[in-house]
C-alpha cells in the first residue's frame, strides 16, 4: 500500500509539472520577449523553462553593454581578495539574481557530454535564422571542449559547471543581440482592469 501511494504521488507530481509547463508555453506566446525566449532555446541546455526564467528575471538582455556586465549581474564572476602585490581569487560572488543564476547552472550541466545536435534541439533550431544556428553550434563545441579541459585539470565538477554557466551567459547575451523585440501584448487580468466602453 505504501509503495502504491509513493507511485501515485510521483505520478500526480509529474502530471502537475506537465500542466504547468503547457501553461507556461501558452503564456509565453503573448509575451514581448517571446522571440528572445525562442532564440535562446537554440543553445543546448536552455530549454523553455530556463529561457523563460532568464527572460523573466533579467528582462531585456540587450540592456547590458557587454557580456561581462551580465556575468557580474548574475554573480558568476570570481570574488577577489587583494592586498598590495598579492592577488587571490575565490569562489563566485553570488551577487545579483539567484533564480537566473541557478537556471543557467542547471542548463550548463548539459555540456558534460560531447557536442551533438539532439532531435529536440534540431526541432528548436529549424525555426531560427542561420546566424543563430551557427552561434548555437559554436557555443556547443566551445563549452563541451572547455568542460573536458577543466575536468582534465582536476577541477571539481561543480566548479567546472559554474565556469561553463558563466560562458553560457555570454552566448545568451550574443544571441539576444540578434533578436528584435516585439511590442508587448497587454491583456487585463481582471474584469475591473479592462477599459470602460468608449475609451
N, C-alpha and C. Protein backbone atom coordinates (compact mmCIF):
# COMPACT_ATOMS: atom_id res chain seq x y z
N UNK A 1 0.83 -1.20 0.00
CA UNK A 1 0.00 0.00 0.00
C UNK A 1 0.87 1.27 0.00
N UNK A 2 1.95 1.24 0.82
CA UNK A 2 2.85 2.39 0.88
C UNK A 2 3.52 2.61 -0.47
N UNK A 3 3.93 1.50 -1.11
CA UNK A 3 4.56 1.61 -2.43
C UNK A 3 3.61 2.24 -3.44
N UNK A 4 2.35 1.78 -3.44
CA UNK A 4 1.37 2.33 -4.36
C UNK A 4 1.12 3.82 -4.12
N UNK A 5 1.12 4.22 -2.85
CA UNK A 5 0.95 5.64 -2.52
C UNK A 5 2.13 6.46 -3.05
N UNK A 6 3.35 5.91 -2.94
CA UNK A 6 4.53 6.60 -3.46
C UNK A 6 4.45 6.75 -4.97
N UNK A 7 4.03 5.68 -5.65
CA UNK A 7 3.89 5.73 -7.12
C UNK A 7 2.85 6.77 -7.50
N UNK A 8 1.75 6.79 -6.77
CA UNK A 8 0.68 7.75 -7.06
C UNK A 8 1.17 9.18 -6.86
N UNK A 9 1.95 9.42 -5.80
CA UNK A 9 2.47 10.77 -5.54
C UNK A 9 3.39 11.22 -6.68
N UNK A 10 4.24 10.31 -7.15
CA UNK A 10 5.15 10.65 -8.26
C UNK A 10 4.35 10.93 -9.52
N UNK A 11 3.34 10.12 -9.79
CA UNK A 11 2.51 10.31 -10.99
C UNK A 11 1.79 11.66 -10.95
N UNK A 12 1.21 11.99 -9.80
CA UNK A 12 0.50 13.26 -9.67
C UNK A 12 1.44 14.44 -9.83
N UNK A 13 2.65 14.30 -9.27
CA UNK A 13 3.63 15.38 -9.39
C UNK A 13 4.05 15.57 -10.85
N UNK A 14 4.24 14.45 -11.56
CA UNK A 14 4.62 14.52 -12.98
C UNK A 14 3.52 15.16 -13.81
N UNK A 15 2.27 14.79 -13.54
CA UNK A 15 1.15 15.38 -14.27
C UNK A 15 1.03 16.87 -13.99
N UNK A 16 1.25 17.26 -12.74
CA UNK A 16 1.19 18.68 -12.37
C UNK A 16 2.28 19.46 -13.10
N UNK A 17 3.48 18.88 -13.14
CA UNK A 17 4.59 19.53 -13.83
C UNK A 17 4.28 19.71 -15.32
N UNK A 18 3.68 18.69 -15.93
CA UNK A 18 3.32 18.76 -17.34
C UNK A 18 2.30 19.87 -17.58
N UNK A 19 1.29 19.96 -16.70
CA UNK A 19 0.28 21.03 -16.84
C UNK A 19 0.91 22.41 -16.73
N UNK A 20 1.80 22.58 -15.77
CA UNK A 20 2.44 23.89 -15.58
C UNK A 20 3.31 24.25 -16.79
N UNK A 21 4.02 23.28 -17.33
CA UNK A 21 4.87 23.55 -18.50
C UNK A 21 4.02 23.92 -19.71
N UNK A 22 2.90 23.23 -19.90
CA UNK A 22 2.00 23.57 -21.00
C UNK A 22 1.44 24.98 -20.86
N UNK A 23 1.06 25.34 -19.63
CA UNK A 23 0.56 26.69 -19.38
C UNK A 23 1.64 27.73 -19.63
N UNK A 24 2.87 27.40 -19.25
CA UNK A 24 4.00 28.30 -19.48
C UNK A 24 4.19 28.53 -20.98
N UNK A 25 4.14 27.47 -21.77
CA UNK A 25 4.28 27.58 -23.23
C UNK A 25 3.18 28.48 -23.80
N UNK A 26 1.96 28.32 -23.30
CA UNK A 26 0.84 29.11 -23.80
C UNK A 26 1.01 30.59 -23.47
N UNK A 27 1.38 30.89 -22.24
CA UNK A 27 1.51 32.28 -21.79
C UNK A 27 2.66 33.01 -22.49
N UNK A 28 3.72 32.28 -22.82
CA UNK A 28 4.90 32.91 -23.43
C UNK A 28 4.58 33.49 -24.80
N UNK A 29 3.61 32.89 -25.51
CA UNK A 29 3.32 33.32 -26.88
C UNK A 29 2.90 34.78 -26.98
N UNK A 30 2.29 35.33 -25.92
CA UNK A 30 1.83 36.73 -25.96
C UNK A 30 2.81 37.67 -25.27
N UNK A 31 3.96 37.19 -24.89
CA UNK A 31 4.94 37.97 -24.17
C UNK A 31 5.81 38.77 -25.13
N UNK A 32 6.21 39.94 -24.72
CA UNK A 32 7.09 40.78 -25.54
C UNK A 32 8.43 40.09 -25.81
N UNK A 33 8.89 39.29 -24.86
CA UNK A 33 10.18 38.61 -25.01
C UNK A 33 10.08 37.24 -25.67
N UNK A 34 8.91 36.90 -26.23
CA UNK A 34 8.72 35.59 -26.86
C UNK A 34 9.77 35.28 -27.94
N UNK A 35 10.11 36.23 -28.84
CA UNK A 35 11.14 35.93 -29.84
C UNK A 35 12.50 35.63 -29.20
N UNK A 36 12.82 36.32 -28.11
CA UNK A 36 14.09 36.10 -27.42
C UNK A 36 14.09 34.72 -26.76
N UNK A 37 12.97 34.36 -26.14
CA UNK A 37 12.85 33.05 -25.50
C UNK A 37 13.06 31.94 -26.54
N UNK A 38 12.45 32.10 -27.72
CA UNK A 38 12.63 31.10 -28.79
C UNK A 38 14.09 31.03 -29.23
N UNK A 39 14.71 32.19 -29.38
CA UNK A 39 16.10 32.22 -29.85
C UNK A 39 17.07 31.63 -28.83
N UNK A 40 16.84 31.90 -27.54
CA UNK A 40 17.74 31.38 -26.50
C UNK A 40 17.71 29.87 -26.44
N UNK A 41 16.59 29.27 -26.87
CA UNK A 41 16.48 27.82 -26.85
C UNK A 41 17.32 27.15 -27.93
N UNK A 42 18.00 27.95 -28.74
CA UNK A 42 18.95 27.38 -29.70
C UNK A 42 20.14 26.76 -28.98
N UNK A 43 20.39 27.21 -27.76
CA UNK A 43 21.53 26.70 -27.00
C UNK A 43 21.19 25.40 -26.30
N UNK A 44 22.12 24.50 -26.31
CA UNK A 44 21.94 23.23 -25.61
C UNK A 44 21.83 23.49 -24.11
N UNK A 45 20.89 22.82 -23.45
CA UNK A 45 20.71 23.01 -22.02
C UNK A 45 19.79 24.17 -21.68
N UNK A 46 19.38 24.94 -22.70
CA UNK A 46 18.48 26.08 -22.46
C UNK A 46 17.15 25.76 -23.13
N UNK A 47 16.33 24.97 -22.43
CA UNK A 47 15.00 24.68 -22.93
C UNK A 47 14.04 25.75 -22.44
N UNK A 48 12.77 25.56 -22.67
CA UNK A 48 11.78 26.60 -22.42
C UNK A 48 11.84 27.16 -21.00
N UNK A 49 11.89 26.29 -20.00
CA UNK A 49 11.87 26.76 -18.62
C UNK A 49 13.06 27.64 -18.30
N UNK A 50 14.25 27.23 -18.74
CA UNK A 50 15.46 28.03 -18.49
C UNK A 50 15.39 29.35 -19.24
N UNK A 51 14.93 29.31 -20.50
CA UNK A 51 14.84 30.53 -21.31
C UNK A 51 13.83 31.51 -20.72
N UNK A 52 12.68 31.00 -20.27
CA UNK A 52 11.65 31.87 -19.69
C UNK A 52 12.14 32.45 -18.37
N UNK A 53 12.78 31.61 -17.54
CA UNK A 53 13.32 32.10 -16.27
C UNK A 53 14.33 33.21 -16.51
N UNK A 54 15.21 33.01 -17.48
CA UNK A 54 16.21 34.02 -17.80
C UNK A 54 15.55 35.31 -18.26
N UNK A 55 14.56 35.19 -19.15
CA UNK A 55 13.86 36.38 -19.63
C UNK A 55 13.08 37.09 -18.53
N UNK A 56 12.40 36.31 -17.68
CA UNK A 56 11.59 36.90 -16.63
C UNK A 56 12.45 37.60 -15.57
N UNK A 57 13.59 37.03 -15.27
CA UNK A 57 14.44 37.58 -14.21
C UNK A 57 15.35 38.70 -14.71
N UNK A 58 15.78 38.62 -15.98
CA UNK A 58 16.74 39.60 -16.50
C UNK A 58 16.12 40.60 -17.46
N UNK A 59 14.91 40.33 -17.93
CA UNK A 59 14.22 41.18 -18.89
C UNK A 59 15.03 41.25 -20.19
N UNK A 60 15.23 42.44 -20.71
CA UNK A 60 15.92 42.61 -21.99
C UNK A 60 17.43 42.49 -21.80
N UNK A 61 18.03 41.43 -22.35
CA UNK A 61 19.47 41.21 -22.19
C UNK A 61 20.31 42.26 -22.91
N UNK A 62 19.70 42.96 -23.87
CA UNK A 62 20.47 43.96 -24.62
C UNK A 62 20.74 45.21 -23.79
N UNK A 63 20.13 45.29 -22.61
CA UNK A 63 20.40 46.46 -21.75
C UNK A 63 21.80 46.41 -21.16
N UNK A 64 22.45 45.24 -21.20
CA UNK A 64 23.84 45.14 -20.75
C UNK A 64 24.75 45.49 -21.93
N UNK A 65 25.72 46.35 -21.68
CA UNK A 65 26.59 46.81 -22.76
C UNK A 65 27.49 45.71 -23.30
N UNK A 66 27.85 44.75 -22.45
CA UNK A 66 28.72 43.65 -22.89
C UNK A 66 28.45 42.42 -22.01
N UNK A 67 28.92 41.26 -22.43
CA UNK A 67 28.64 40.03 -21.67
C UNK A 67 29.21 40.06 -20.25
N UNK A 68 30.32 40.76 -20.07
CA UNK A 68 30.93 40.79 -18.73
C UNK A 68 30.00 41.46 -17.72
N UNK A 69 29.29 42.49 -18.15
CA UNK A 69 28.31 43.13 -17.25
C UNK A 69 27.24 42.14 -16.83
N UNK A 70 26.79 41.32 -17.78
CA UNK A 70 25.78 40.31 -17.48
C UNK A 70 26.33 39.28 -16.49
N UNK A 71 27.56 38.85 -16.70
CA UNK A 71 28.20 37.88 -15.78
C UNK A 71 28.28 38.44 -14.37
N UNK A 72 28.66 39.72 -14.26
CA UNK A 72 28.73 40.37 -12.94
C UNK A 72 27.35 40.44 -12.30
N UNK A 73 26.35 40.79 -13.12
CA UNK A 73 25.00 40.92 -12.60
C UNK A 73 24.46 39.58 -12.07
N UNK A 74 24.87 38.51 -12.73
CA UNK A 74 24.43 37.17 -12.32
C UNK A 74 25.22 36.63 -11.14
N UNK A 75 26.32 37.30 -10.79
CA UNK A 75 27.15 36.81 -9.68
C UNK A 75 27.97 35.59 -10.06
N UNK A 76 28.31 35.45 -11.34
CA UNK A 76 29.06 34.29 -11.82
C UNK A 76 30.55 34.57 -11.96
N UNK A 77 30.99 35.77 -11.57
CA UNK A 77 32.42 36.09 -11.66
C UNK A 77 33.11 35.77 -10.35
N UNK A 78 34.40 35.41 -10.39
CA UNK A 78 35.11 35.06 -9.16
C UNK A 78 35.27 36.26 -8.23
N UNK A 79 35.19 36.01 -6.94
CA UNK A 79 35.49 37.07 -5.97
C UNK A 79 37.00 37.24 -5.90
N UNK A 80 37.42 38.39 -5.40
CA UNK A 80 38.87 38.68 -5.38
C UNK A 80 39.27 39.26 -4.03
N UNK A 81 40.37 38.76 -3.52
CA UNK A 81 40.95 39.26 -2.27
C UNK A 81 42.37 39.70 -2.58
N UNK A 82 42.59 41.01 -2.62
CA UNK A 82 43.90 41.52 -2.99
C UNK A 82 44.45 42.45 -1.92
N UNK A 83 45.72 42.29 -1.62
CA UNK A 83 46.43 43.19 -0.71
C UNK A 83 47.81 43.45 -1.30
N UNK A 84 48.10 44.71 -1.56
CA UNK A 84 49.40 45.06 -2.14
C UNK A 84 49.60 44.37 -3.47
N UNK A 85 50.70 43.62 -3.58
CA UNK A 85 51.00 42.93 -4.83
C UNK A 85 50.38 41.53 -4.87
N UNK A 86 49.78 41.13 -3.78
CA UNK A 86 49.20 39.79 -3.71
C UNK A 86 47.76 39.80 -4.21
N UNK A 87 47.46 38.93 -5.17
CA UNK A 87 46.12 38.85 -5.75
C UNK A 87 45.61 37.42 -5.64
N UNK A 88 44.46 37.27 -5.01
CA UNK A 88 43.90 35.92 -4.81
C UNK A 88 42.43 35.92 -5.17
N UNK A 89 42.02 34.94 -5.99
CA UNK A 89 40.63 34.83 -6.40
C UNK A 89 39.95 33.71 -5.63
N UNK A 90 38.69 33.94 -5.28
CA UNK A 90 37.92 32.94 -4.55
C UNK A 90 36.75 32.44 -5.36
N UNK A 91 35.72 31.95 -4.68
CA UNK A 91 34.52 31.46 -5.35
C UNK A 91 33.74 32.59 -5.99
N UNK A 92 32.67 32.25 -6.68
CA UNK A 92 31.87 33.28 -7.36
C UNK A 92 31.23 34.20 -6.33
N UNK A 93 30.93 35.40 -6.74
CA UNK A 93 30.41 36.42 -5.82
C UNK A 93 28.98 36.12 -5.35
N UNK A 94 28.19 35.44 -6.19
CA UNK A 94 26.79 35.11 -5.88
C UNK A 94 25.93 36.36 -5.63
N UNK A 95 26.37 37.49 -6.13
CA UNK A 95 25.53 38.69 -6.06
C UNK A 95 24.55 38.64 -7.23
N UNK A 96 23.61 39.52 -7.25
CA UNK A 96 22.70 39.57 -8.40
C UNK A 96 21.56 38.58 -8.27
N UNK A 97 21.04 38.16 -9.41
CA UNK A 97 19.81 37.39 -9.46
C UNK A 97 20.04 35.90 -9.24
N UNK A 98 19.52 35.38 -8.14
CA UNK A 98 19.71 33.98 -7.77
C UNK A 98 18.98 33.03 -8.70
N UNK A 99 17.74 33.36 -9.08
CA UNK A 99 16.94 32.46 -9.91
C UNK A 99 17.57 32.26 -11.29
N UNK A 100 17.98 33.36 -11.91
CA UNK A 100 18.60 33.26 -13.24
C UNK A 100 19.92 32.50 -13.15
N UNK A 101 20.70 32.77 -12.11
CA UNK A 101 21.99 32.07 -11.95
C UNK A 101 21.77 30.56 -11.79
N UNK A 102 20.79 30.19 -10.97
CA UNK A 102 20.51 28.77 -10.75
C UNK A 102 20.06 28.10 -12.05
N UNK A 103 19.21 28.78 -12.83
CA UNK A 103 18.72 28.22 -14.09
C UNK A 103 19.87 27.99 -15.06
N UNK A 104 20.80 28.95 -15.14
CA UNK A 104 21.93 28.79 -16.06
C UNK A 104 22.88 27.68 -15.62
N UNK A 105 23.09 27.56 -14.32
CA UNK A 105 23.96 26.48 -13.83
C UNK A 105 23.33 25.12 -14.13
N UNK A 106 22.01 25.02 -13.96
CA UNK A 106 21.33 23.77 -14.30
C UNK A 106 21.48 23.45 -15.79
N UNK A 107 21.34 24.48 -16.63
CA UNK A 107 21.49 24.28 -18.06
C UNK A 107 22.90 23.91 -18.46
N UNK A 108 23.88 24.40 -17.72
CA UNK A 108 25.29 24.15 -18.05
C UNK A 108 25.70 22.69 -17.88
N UNK A 109 24.95 21.93 -17.07
CA UNK A 109 25.29 20.51 -16.90
C UNK A 109 25.18 19.74 -18.22
N UNK A 110 24.44 20.24 -19.18
CA UNK A 110 24.27 19.55 -20.47
C UNK A 110 25.58 19.46 -21.25
N UNK A 111 26.56 20.30 -20.90
CA UNK A 111 27.82 20.33 -21.66
C UNK A 111 28.84 19.32 -21.15
N UNK A 112 28.41 18.44 -20.24
CA UNK A 112 29.29 17.34 -19.80
C UNK A 112 29.53 16.35 -20.93
N UNK A 113 28.59 16.27 -21.85
CA UNK A 113 28.63 15.27 -22.90
C UNK A 113 29.20 15.86 -24.19
N UNK A 114 29.69 15.02 -25.11
CA UNK A 114 30.25 15.53 -26.36
C UNK A 114 29.25 16.35 -27.16
N UNK A 115 29.77 17.25 -27.97
CA UNK A 115 28.91 18.13 -28.78
C UNK A 115 28.14 17.32 -29.81
N UNK A 116 26.84 17.51 -29.84
CA UNK A 116 25.98 16.89 -30.86
C UNK A 116 24.64 17.61 -30.85
N UNK A 117 23.91 17.49 -31.94
CA UNK A 117 22.59 18.11 -32.04
C UNK A 117 21.55 17.01 -31.87
N UNK A 118 20.86 17.02 -30.74
CA UNK A 118 19.82 16.02 -30.49
C UNK A 118 18.59 16.34 -31.34
N UNK A 119 17.66 15.39 -31.37
CA UNK A 119 16.42 15.60 -32.15
C UNK A 119 15.63 16.79 -31.60
N UNK A 120 15.54 16.89 -30.27
CA UNK A 120 14.79 18.00 -29.66
C UNK A 120 15.43 19.34 -30.00
N UNK A 121 16.77 19.40 -29.95
CA UNK A 121 17.46 20.65 -30.28
C UNK A 121 17.30 20.98 -31.75
N UNK A 122 17.34 19.95 -32.61
CA UNK A 122 17.18 20.18 -34.05
C UNK A 122 15.83 20.80 -34.36
N UNK A 123 14.78 20.32 -33.69
CA UNK A 123 13.44 20.88 -33.90
C UNK A 123 13.37 22.35 -33.49
N UNK A 124 14.09 22.71 -32.42
CA UNK A 124 14.10 24.11 -32.00
C UNK A 124 14.91 24.97 -32.96
N UNK A 125 15.99 24.41 -33.49
CA UNK A 125 16.87 25.17 -34.38
C UNK A 125 16.24 25.45 -35.75
N UNK A 126 15.39 24.53 -36.21
CA UNK A 126 14.79 24.67 -37.54
C UNK A 126 13.99 25.95 -37.70
N UNK A 127 13.48 26.48 -36.60
CA UNK A 127 12.64 27.69 -36.66
C UNK A 127 13.46 28.97 -36.61
N UNK A 128 14.77 28.85 -36.44
CA UNK A 128 15.60 30.04 -36.19
C UNK A 128 16.48 30.39 -37.39
N UNK A 129 16.90 31.66 -37.49
CA UNK A 129 17.78 32.08 -38.60
C UNK A 129 19.14 31.39 -38.54
N UNK A 130 19.79 31.34 -39.69
CA UNK A 130 21.09 30.66 -39.82
C UNK A 130 22.16 31.22 -38.88
N UNK A 131 22.27 32.56 -38.71
CA UNK A 131 23.31 33.07 -37.79
C UNK A 131 23.15 32.54 -36.37
N UNK A 132 21.91 32.41 -35.90
CA UNK A 132 21.69 31.90 -34.54
C UNK A 132 22.00 30.41 -34.48
N UNK A 133 21.69 29.67 -35.54
CA UNK A 133 22.04 28.25 -35.59
C UNK A 133 23.56 28.06 -35.53
N UNK A 134 24.27 28.91 -36.28
CA UNK A 134 25.74 28.83 -36.28
C UNK A 134 26.30 29.15 -34.89
N UNK A 135 25.72 30.16 -34.25
CA UNK A 135 26.18 30.54 -32.91
C UNK A 135 25.93 29.42 -31.91
N UNK A 136 24.81 28.72 -32.09
CA UNK A 136 24.47 27.60 -31.22
C UNK A 136 25.52 26.50 -31.30
N UNK A 137 25.92 26.16 -32.53
CA UNK A 137 26.92 25.10 -32.70
C UNK A 137 28.29 25.56 -32.18
N UNK A 138 28.63 26.81 -32.44
CA UNK A 138 29.89 27.36 -31.94
C UNK A 138 29.94 27.28 -30.40
N UNK A 139 28.82 27.64 -29.76
CA UNK A 139 28.75 27.59 -28.30
C UNK A 139 28.91 26.16 -27.81
N UNK A 140 28.24 25.24 -28.48
CA UNK A 140 28.28 23.86 -28.03
C UNK A 140 29.69 23.27 -28.13
N UNK A 141 30.34 23.51 -29.25
CA UNK A 141 31.70 23.00 -29.44
C UNK A 141 32.64 23.60 -28.39
N UNK A 142 32.55 24.89 -28.19
CA UNK A 142 33.45 25.56 -27.24
C UNK A 142 33.20 25.10 -25.80
N UNK A 143 31.94 25.09 -25.39
CA UNK A 143 31.64 24.78 -24.00
C UNK A 143 31.88 23.32 -23.65
N UNK A 144 31.63 22.42 -24.59
CA UNK A 144 31.94 21.00 -24.35
C UNK A 144 33.45 20.80 -24.22
N UNK A 145 34.20 21.49 -25.08
CA UNK A 145 35.66 21.40 -25.00
C UNK A 145 36.18 21.98 -23.69
N UNK A 146 35.63 23.12 -23.30
CA UNK A 146 36.06 23.76 -22.04
C UNK A 146 35.75 22.86 -20.84
N UNK A 147 34.62 22.18 -20.89
CA UNK A 147 34.28 21.27 -19.79
C UNK A 147 35.33 20.17 -19.68
N UNK A 148 35.68 19.56 -20.81
CA UNK A 148 36.69 18.49 -20.79
C UNK A 148 38.04 18.99 -20.30
N UNK A 149 38.44 20.16 -20.79
CA UNK A 149 39.74 20.71 -20.40
C UNK A 149 39.82 20.97 -18.91
N UNK A 150 38.79 21.61 -18.36
CA UNK A 150 38.81 21.94 -16.93
C UNK A 150 38.72 20.69 -16.07
N UNK A 151 37.94 19.71 -16.53
CA UNK A 151 37.85 18.46 -15.78
C UNK A 151 39.17 17.73 -15.77
N UNK A 152 39.89 17.79 -16.91
CA UNK A 152 41.19 17.11 -17.00
C UNK A 152 42.21 17.73 -16.06
N UNK A 153 42.03 19.00 -15.70
CA UNK A 153 42.94 19.65 -14.76
C UNK A 153 42.65 19.28 -13.31
N UNK A 154 41.61 18.48 -13.09
CA UNK A 154 41.29 18.03 -11.74
C UNK A 154 40.32 18.93 -11.00
N UNK A 155 39.67 19.84 -11.73
CA UNK A 155 38.69 20.72 -11.08
C UNK A 155 37.44 19.91 -10.70
N UNK A 156 36.78 20.33 -9.62
CA UNK A 156 35.54 19.69 -9.22
C UNK A 156 34.46 19.95 -10.27
N UNK A 157 33.56 18.97 -10.41
CA UNK A 157 32.50 19.10 -11.43
C UNK A 157 31.65 20.34 -11.20
N UNK A 158 31.35 20.66 -9.94
CA UNK A 158 30.52 21.83 -9.65
C UNK A 158 31.23 23.13 -10.05
N UNK A 159 32.55 23.19 -9.83
CA UNK A 159 33.31 24.39 -10.23
C UNK A 159 33.34 24.52 -11.75
N UNK A 160 33.51 23.40 -12.42
CA UNK A 160 33.55 23.41 -13.88
C UNK A 160 32.22 23.88 -14.45
N UNK A 161 31.13 23.37 -13.89
CA UNK A 161 29.80 23.73 -14.39
C UNK A 161 29.51 25.22 -14.19
N UNK A 162 29.93 25.77 -13.08
CA UNK A 162 29.73 27.21 -12.84
C UNK A 162 30.52 28.02 -13.87
N UNK A 163 31.74 27.58 -14.18
CA UNK A 163 32.54 28.27 -15.20
C UNK A 163 31.86 28.19 -16.57
N UNK A 164 31.27 27.03 -16.87
CA UNK A 164 30.55 26.87 -18.14
C UNK A 164 29.32 27.78 -18.15
N UNK A 165 28.63 27.87 -17.02
CA UNK A 165 27.44 28.75 -16.93
C UNK A 165 27.83 30.19 -17.19
N UNK A 166 29.02 30.60 -16.71
CA UNK A 166 29.49 31.97 -16.93
C UNK A 166 29.65 32.22 -18.43
N UNK A 167 30.28 31.28 -19.14
CA UNK A 167 30.47 31.45 -20.58
C UNK A 167 29.14 31.31 -21.33
N UNK A 168 28.26 30.46 -20.82
CA UNK A 168 26.94 30.30 -21.44
C UNK A 168 26.17 31.62 -21.41
N UNK A 169 26.32 32.37 -20.33
CA UNK A 169 25.63 33.66 -20.24
C UNK A 169 26.11 34.62 -21.32
N UNK A 170 27.38 34.52 -21.71
CA UNK A 170 27.90 35.37 -22.79
C UNK A 170 27.24 35.01 -24.12
N UNK A 171 27.02 33.72 -24.35
CA UNK A 171 26.34 33.31 -25.59
C UNK A 171 24.87 33.73 -25.57
N UNK A 172 24.25 33.68 -24.40
CA UNK A 172 22.87 34.18 -24.29
C UNK A 172 22.80 35.65 -24.68
N UNK A 173 23.76 36.42 -24.18
CA UNK A 173 23.81 37.86 -24.49
C UNK A 173 23.99 38.07 -26.00
N UNK A 174 24.88 37.29 -26.61
CA UNK A 174 25.16 37.44 -28.05
C UNK A 174 23.93 37.10 -28.89
N UNK A 175 23.21 36.07 -28.51
CA UNK A 175 22.01 35.69 -29.26
C UNK A 175 20.92 36.76 -29.09
N UNK A 176 20.78 37.30 -27.88
CA UNK A 176 19.76 38.32 -27.65
C UNK A 176 20.00 39.56 -28.50
N UNK A 177 21.25 39.82 -28.85
CA UNK A 177 21.56 40.97 -29.70
C UNK A 177 21.01 40.80 -31.11
N UNK A 178 20.76 39.56 -31.51
CA UNK A 178 20.31 39.26 -32.88
C UNK A 178 18.79 39.31 -33.04
N UNK A 179 18.06 39.45 -31.93
CA UNK A 179 16.61 39.30 -31.97
C UNK A 179 15.91 40.63 -31.71
N UNK A 180 15.11 41.11 -32.66
CA UNK A 180 14.33 42.33 -32.40
C UNK A 180 13.14 42.00 -31.51
N UNK A 181 12.85 42.87 -30.56
CA UNK A 181 11.73 42.66 -29.64
C UNK A 181 10.44 43.14 -30.28
N UNK A 182 9.35 42.48 -29.94
CA UNK A 182 8.03 42.88 -30.42
C UNK A 182 7.32 43.66 -29.32
N UNK A 183 6.37 44.54 -29.68
CA UNK A 183 5.61 45.26 -28.64
C UNK A 183 4.85 44.27 -27.77
N UNK A 184 4.77 44.56 -26.49
CA UNK A 184 4.10 43.66 -25.55
C UNK A 184 2.59 43.73 -25.73
N UNK A 185 1.96 42.56 -25.70
CA UNK A 185 0.50 42.49 -25.79
C UNK A 185 -0.04 42.57 -24.37
N UNK A 186 -0.75 43.64 -24.06
CA UNK A 186 -1.26 43.85 -22.71
C UNK A 186 -2.71 43.39 -22.66
N UNK A 187 -2.97 42.45 -21.77
CA UNK A 187 -4.33 41.96 -21.61
C UNK A 187 -4.72 42.10 -20.15
N UNK A 188 -5.90 42.65 -19.86
CA UNK A 188 -6.30 42.80 -18.46
C UNK A 188 -6.49 41.44 -17.80
N UNK A 189 -6.02 41.34 -16.55
CA UNK A 189 -6.13 40.09 -15.82
C UNK A 189 -7.48 39.94 -15.15
N UNK A 190 -8.09 41.06 -14.75
CA UNK A 190 -9.35 41.02 -14.02
C UNK A 190 -10.36 41.91 -14.74
N UNK A 191 -11.64 41.60 -14.60
CA UNK A 191 -12.68 42.38 -15.30
C UNK A 191 -12.61 43.87 -15.01
N UNK A 192 -12.34 44.25 -13.77
CA UNK A 192 -12.33 45.68 -13.43
C UNK A 192 -11.10 46.42 -13.97
N UNK A 193 -10.13 45.64 -14.49
CA UNK A 193 -8.95 46.29 -15.07
C UNK A 193 -9.16 46.66 -16.54
N UNK A 194 -10.20 46.11 -17.14
CA UNK A 194 -10.48 46.41 -18.55
C UNK A 194 -10.94 47.85 -18.70
N UNK A 195 -10.65 48.41 -19.86
CA UNK A 195 -11.07 49.79 -20.12
C UNK A 195 -12.58 49.85 -20.29
N UNK A 196 -13.24 50.88 -19.78
CA UNK A 196 -14.70 51.02 -19.96
C UNK A 196 -15.03 51.20 -21.44
N UNK A 197 -16.23 50.82 -21.87
CA UNK A 197 -16.63 51.01 -23.27
C UNK A 197 -16.52 52.48 -23.67
N UNK A 198 -16.07 52.70 -24.88
CA UNK A 198 -15.96 54.05 -25.39
C UNK A 198 -14.65 54.73 -25.10
N UNK A 199 -13.77 54.07 -24.35
CA UNK A 199 -12.46 54.70 -24.03
C UNK A 199 -11.46 54.38 -25.10
